[in-house]
């Protein structure tokens, strides 16, 4: 699997702080056995987010895009809107699983607006901007993401028996 990592943070894009959430996404990708095709940091601007997502879905061999940041309630948190503008099919169970995984760790779990969905054969997943939250939610998804990518690629993938 080939993955692109996108950190969405205006302050990180200006170089004001290190990209720790991008580091956690890279660790998650490595745990999945993924090859990192691209890693970028961009500001909280919907048009720029949409542009990067479209590029990776349509002009590269990326099968998975993991984003971090811009999923909260702040006025400049526009990652979910940008993702919805790009995806063709939403995968609500992924976002629901991420929020459920956050619930034991923070009283603010329900404020996350991250989404997940597909465009063509690429899966896009919005992670929170917190490195700790990426670890917590990534662990909840790790077993299912390879199966989802197999299904998107049209590869046979065994479903667990009932």
C-alpha atoms as a PDB file:
ATOM      1  CA  UNK A   1       0.000   0.000   0.000  1.00  0.00           C
ATOM      2  CA  UNK A   2       1.199   3.472  -0.864  1.00  0.00           C
ATOM      3  CA  UNK A   3       0.264   6.288   1.472  1.00  0.00           C
ATOM      4  CA  UNK A   4       0.346  10.081   1.458  1.00  0.00           C
ATOM      5  CA  UNK A   5       0.410  12.008   4.730  1.00  0.00           C
ATOM      6  CA  UNK A   6      -1.014  15.503   5.012  1.00  0.00           C
ATOM      7  CA  UNK A   7      -0.665  17.659   8.106  1.00  0.00           C
ATOM      8  CA  UNK A   8      -3.121  20.537   8.076  1.00  0.00           C
ATOM      9  CA  UNK A   9      -1.936  23.313  10.351  1.00  0.00           C
ATOM     10  CA  UNK A  10      -1.303  26.945   9.566  1.00  0.00           C
ATOM     11  CA  UNK A  11       1.263  27.282  12.366  1.00  0.00           C
ATOM     12  CA  UNK A  12       3.144  24.135  11.286  1.00  0.00           C
ATOM     13  CA  UNK A  13       3.062  25.289   7.655  1.00  0.00           C
ATOM     14  CA  UNK A  14       4.731  28.549   8.790  1.00  0.00           C
ATOM     15  CA  UNK A  15       7.425  26.503  10.561  1.00  0.00           C
ATOM     16  CA  UNK A  16       6.469  27.704  14.036  1.00  0.00           C
ATOM     17  CA  UNK A  17       6.585  24.213  15.549  1.00  0.00           C
ATOM     18  CA  UNK A  18       7.638  20.689  14.534  1.00  0.00           C
ATOM     19  CA  UNK A  19       5.149  18.422  12.781  1.00  0.00           C
ATOM     20  CA  UNK A  20       4.653  15.871  15.554  1.00  0.00           C
ATOM     21  CA  UNK A  21       1.279  14.706  14.236  1.00  0.00           C
ATOM     22  CA  UNK A  22       2.888  13.967  10.861  1.00  0.00           C
ATOM     23  CA  UNK A  23       5.482  11.880  12.697  1.00  0.00           C
ATOM     24  CA  UNK A  24       2.691   9.878  14.368  1.00  0.00           C
ATOM     25  CA  UNK A  25       0.936   9.363  11.009  1.00  0.00           C
ATOM     26  CA  UNK A  26       4.249   8.125   9.583  1.00  0.00           C
ATOM     27  CA  UNK A  27       4.586   5.673  12.471  1.00  0.00           C
ATOM     28  CA  UNK A  28       1.043   4.431  11.881  1.00  0.00           C
ATOM     29  CA  UNK A  29       1.772   3.981   8.167  1.00  0.00           C
ATOM     30  CA  UNK A  30       4.941   2.028   9.000  1.00  0.00           C
ATOM     31  CA  UNK A  31       2.968  -0.226  11.377  1.00  0.00           C
ATOM     32  CA  UNK A  32       0.558  -0.927   8.516  1.00  0.00           C
ATOM     33  CA  UNK A  33       3.473  -1.871   6.263  1.00  0.00           C
ATOM     34  CA  UNK A  34       2.778   1.079   3.975  1.00  0.00           C
ATOM     35  CA  UNK A  35       5.247   2.855   1.739  1.00  0.00           C
ATOM     36  CA  UNK A  36       5.139   6.608   2.255  1.00  0.00           C
ATOM     37  CA  UNK A  37       4.806   8.205  -1.165  1.00  0.00           C
ATOM     38  CA  UNK A  38       4.458  11.812   0.040  1.00  0.00           C
ATOM     39  CA  UNK A  39       4.342  13.838   3.219  1.00  0.00           C
ATOM     40  CA  UNK A  40       3.346  17.503   3.306  1.00  0.00           C
ATOM     41  CA  UNK A  41       2.310  20.262   5.688  1.00  0.00           C
ATOM     42  CA  UNK A  42      -0.190  22.856   4.461  1.00  0.00           C
ATOM     43  CA  UNK A  43      -2.224  25.627   6.097  1.00  0.00           C
ATOM     44  CA  UNK A  44      -5.876  25.406   7.130  1.00  0.00           C
ATOM     45  CA  UNK A  45      -7.215  26.491   3.732  1.00  0.00           C
ATOM     46  CA  UNK A  46      -9.999  24.467   2.166  1.00  0.00           C
ATOM     47  CA  UNK A  47      -8.885  25.000  -1.432  1.00  0.00           C
ATOM     48  CA  UNK A  48      -5.334  23.853  -0.706  1.00  0.00           C
ATOM     49  CA  UNK A  49      -6.563  20.789   1.174  1.00  0.00           C
ATOM     50  CA  UNK A  50      -8.917  19.817  -1.655  1.00  0.00           C
ATOM     51  CA  UNK A  51      -6.138  20.319  -4.193  1.00  0.00           C
ATOM     52  CA  UNK A  52      -3.705  17.986  -2.423  1.00  0.00           C
ATOM     53  CA  UNK A  53      -6.352  15.324  -1.857  1.00  0.00           C
ATOM     54  CA  UNK A  54      -7.432  15.437  -5.511  1.00  0.00           C
ATOM     55  CA  UNK A  55      -3.836  15.281  -6.700  1.00  0.00           C
ATOM     56  CA  UNK A  56      -3.094  12.168  -4.672  1.00  0.00           C
ATOM     57  CA  UNK A  57      -6.351  10.448  -5.598  1.00  0.00           C
ATOM     58  CA  UNK A  58      -6.177  11.155  -9.317  1.00  0.00           C
ATOM     59  CA  UNK A  59      -2.550  11.676 -10.304  1.00  0.00           C
ATOM     60  CA  UNK A  60      -0.541   9.274  -8.169  1.00  0.00           C
ATOM     61  CA  UNK A  61      -0.474   5.660  -7.125  1.00  0.00           C
ATOM     62  CA  UNK A  62      -1.538   6.471  -3.564  1.00  0.00           C
ATOM     63  CA  UNK A  63      -4.138   4.094  -2.131  1.00  0.00           C
ATOM     64  CA  UNK A  64      -4.419   5.720   1.307  1.00  0.00           C
ATOM     65  CA  UNK A  65      -4.328   9.374   2.386  1.00  0.00           C
ATOM     66  CA  UNK A  66      -4.045  10.091   6.100  1.00  0.00           C
ATOM     67  CA  UNK A  67      -4.626  13.668   7.223  1.00  0.00           C
ATOM     68  CA  UNK A  68      -4.080  15.226  10.624  1.00  0.00           C
ATOM     69  CA  UNK A  69      -5.531  18.460  11.929  1.00  0.00           C
ATOM     70  CA  UNK A  70      -8.385  20.766  11.136  1.00  0.00           C
ATOM     71  CA  UNK A  71     -11.140  18.466  12.412  1.00  0.00           C
ATOM     72  CA  UNK A  72     -12.359  20.453  15.411  1.00  0.00           C
ATOM     73  CA  UNK A  73     -14.806  23.302  15.858  1.00  0.00           C
ATOM     74  CA  UNK A  74     -12.456  26.261  15.362  1.00  0.00           C
ATOM     75  CA  UNK A  75     -13.509  28.534  12.513  1.00  0.00           C
ATOM     76  CA  UNK A  76     -10.460  27.563  10.445  1.00  0.00           C
ATOM     77  CA  UNK A  77     -10.986  23.797  10.958  1.00  0.00           C
ATOM     78  CA  UNK A  78     -12.090  22.966   7.410  1.00  0.00           C
ATOM     79  CA  UNK A  79     -10.553  19.542   6.804  1.00  0.00           C
ATOM     80  CA  UNK A  80     -13.904  17.691   6.927  1.00  0.00           C
ATOM     81  CA  UNK A  81     -15.465  20.116   4.452  1.00  0.00           C
ATOM     82  CA  UNK A  82     -12.505  19.761   2.083  1.00  0.00           C
ATOM     83  CA  UNK A  83     -12.597  15.988   2.368  1.00  0.00           C
ATOM     84  CA  UNK A  84     -16.340  15.815   1.715  1.00  0.00           C
ATOM     85  CA  UNK A  85     -15.861  17.965  -1.387  1.00  0.00           C
ATOM     86  CA  UNK A  86     -13.382  15.393  -2.740  1.00  0.00           C
ATOM     87  CA  UNK A  87     -14.765  11.996  -1.728  1.00  0.00           C
ATOM     88  CA  UNK A  88     -17.328  10.084  -3.739  1.00  0.00           C
ATOM     89  CA  UNK A  89     -18.427   7.729  -0.966  1.00  0.00           C
ATOM     90  CA  UNK A  90     -18.288   8.343   2.765  1.00  0.00           C
ATOM     91  CA  UNK A  91     -17.154   5.595   5.155  1.00  0.00           C
ATOM     92  CA  UNK A  92     -18.864   6.741   8.359  1.00  0.00           C
ATOM     93  CA  UNK A  93     -17.907   3.671  10.391  1.00  0.00           C
ATOM     94  CA  UNK A  94     -14.243   4.673  10.275  1.00  0.00           C
ATOM     95  CA  UNK A  95     -14.918   8.117  11.742  1.00  0.00           C
ATOM     96  CA  UNK A  96     -17.312   6.629  14.290  1.00  0.00           C
ATOM     97  CA  UNK A  97     -14.653   4.119  15.388  1.00  0.00           C
ATOM     98  CA  UNK A  98     -12.130   6.929  15.803  1.00  0.00           C
ATOM     99  CA  UNK A  99     -14.465   8.943  18.013  1.00  0.00           C
ATOM    100  CA  UNK A 100     -15.316   5.843  20.055  1.00  0.00           C
ATOM    101  CA  UNK A 101     -11.595   5.127  20.540  1.00  0.00           C
ATOM    102  CA  UNK A 102     -11.101   8.687  21.819  1.00  0.00           C
ATOM    103  CA  UNK A 103     -13.941   8.557  24.331  1.00  0.00           C
ATOM    104  CA  UNK A 104     -11.982   6.839  27.146  1.00  0.00           C
ATOM    105  CA  UNK A 105      -9.139   9.340  26.787  1.00  0.00           C
ATOM    106  CA  UNK A 106     -10.785  12.771  26.563  1.00  0.00           C
ATOM    107  CA  UNK A 107     -14.079  14.385  27.527  1.00  0.00           C
ATOM    108  CA  UNK A 108     -13.914  16.279  24.220  1.00  0.00           C
ATOM    109  CA  UNK A 109     -14.125  13.189  21.987  1.00  0.00           C
ATOM    110  CA  UNK A 110     -17.501  14.218  20.529  1.00  0.00           C
ATOM    111  CA  UNK A 111     -16.106  17.495  19.176  1.00  0.00           C
ATOM    112  CA  UNK A 112     -14.066  15.741  16.499  1.00  0.00           C
ATOM    113  CA  UNK A 113     -15.603  16.194  13.057  1.00  0.00           C
ATOM    114  CA  UNK A 114     -13.164  14.035  11.099  1.00  0.00           C
ATOM    115  CA  UNK A 115     -14.552  12.039   8.186  1.00  0.00           C
ATOM    116  CA  UNK A 116     -13.384   9.169   6.005  1.00  0.00           C
ATOM    117  CA  UNK A 117     -14.322   8.169   2.502  1.00  0.00           C
ATOM    118  CA  UNK A 118     -13.188   7.087  -0.906  1.00  0.00           C
ATOM    119  CA  UNK A 119     -12.447   8.671  -4.219  1.00  0.00           C
ATOM    120  CA  UNK A 120     -11.885   6.038  -6.832  1.00  0.00           C
ATOM    121  CA  UNK A 121      -9.694   3.397  -5.225  1.00  0.00           C
ATOM    122  CA  UNK A 122      -8.140   5.759  -2.663  1.00  0.00           C
ATOM    123  CA  UNK A 123      -9.252   5.879   0.962  1.00  0.00           C
ATOM    124  CA  UNK A 124      -8.958   9.213   2.789  1.00  0.00           C
ATOM    125  CA  UNK A 125      -9.044   9.296   6.601  1.00  0.00           C
ATOM    126  CA  UNK A 126      -9.055  12.479   8.709  1.00  0.00           C
ATOM    127  CA  UNK A 127      -7.213  12.137  12.016  1.00  0.00           C
ATOM    128  CA  UNK A 128      -7.222  14.700  14.820  1.00  0.00           C
ATOM    129  CA  UNK A 129      -4.216  17.002  15.082  1.00  0.00           C
ATOM    130  CA  UNK A 130      -3.117  15.694  18.480  1.00  0.00           C
ATOM    131  CA  UNK A 131      -0.222  13.186  18.264  1.00  0.00           C
ATOM    132  CA  UNK A 132      -1.656  11.313  21.267  1.00  0.00           C
ATOM    133  CA  UNK A 133      -5.086  11.113  19.612  1.00  0.00           C
ATOM    134  CA  UNK A 134      -3.509   9.790  16.398  1.00  0.00           C
ATOM    135  CA  UNK A 135      -1.951   6.928  18.361  1.00  0.00           C
ATOM    136  CA  UNK A 136      -5.229   6.144  20.132  1.00  0.00           C
ATOM    137  CA  UNK A 137      -7.444   6.284  17.060  1.00  0.00           C
ATOM    138  CA  UNK A 138      -4.903   4.679  14.741  1.00  0.00           C
ATOM    139  CA  UNK A 139      -4.758   1.623  16.974  1.00  0.00           C
ATOM    140  CA  UNK A 140      -8.525   1.247  16.613  1.00  0.00           C
ATOM    141  CA  UNK A 141      -8.301   1.267  12.794  1.00  0.00           C
ATOM    142  CA  UNK A 142      -5.111  -0.704  12.186  1.00  0.00           C
ATOM    143  CA  UNK A 143      -6.766  -4.098  11.727  1.00  0.00           C
ATOM    144  CA  UNK A 144      -9.430  -2.866   9.295  1.00  0.00           C
ATOM    145  CA  UNK A 145      -7.525  -0.487   7.019  1.00  0.00           C
ATOM    146  CA  UNK A 146      -5.644  -3.196   5.039  1.00  0.00           C
ATOM    147  CA  UNK A 147      -8.921  -5.048   4.473  1.00  0.00           C
ATOM    148  CA  UNK A 148     -10.610  -1.842   3.282  1.00  0.00           C
ATOM    149  CA  UNK A 149      -7.753  -1.188   0.840  1.00  0.00           C
ATOM    150  CA  UNK A 150      -7.958  -4.753  -0.494  1.00  0.00           C
ATOM    151  CA  UNK A 151     -11.667  -4.266  -1.150  1.00  0.00           C
ATOM    152  CA  UNK A 152     -11.068  -0.933  -2.908  1.00  0.00           C
ATOM    153  CA  UNK A 153      -8.392  -2.512  -5.090  1.00  0.00           C
ATOM    154  CA  UNK A 154     -10.697  -5.384  -6.059  1.00  0.00           C
ATOM    155  CA  UNK A 155      -8.414  -7.939  -4.415  1.00  0.00           C
ATOM    156  CA  UNK A 156      -9.927 -10.962  -2.737  1.00  0.00           C
ATOM    157  CA  UNK A 157      -9.992 -10.402   0.987  1.00  0.00           C
ATOM    158  CA  UNK A 158     -11.260 -12.828   3.527  1.00  0.00           C
ATOM    159  CA  UNK A 159     -14.068 -11.683   5.752  1.00  0.00           C
ATOM    160  CA  UNK A 160     -13.972 -12.961   9.288  1.00  0.00           C
ATOM    161  CA  UNK A 161     -16.350 -15.868   9.864  1.00  0.00           C
ATOM    162  CA  UNK A 162     -19.442 -15.185  11.930  1.00  0.00           C
END
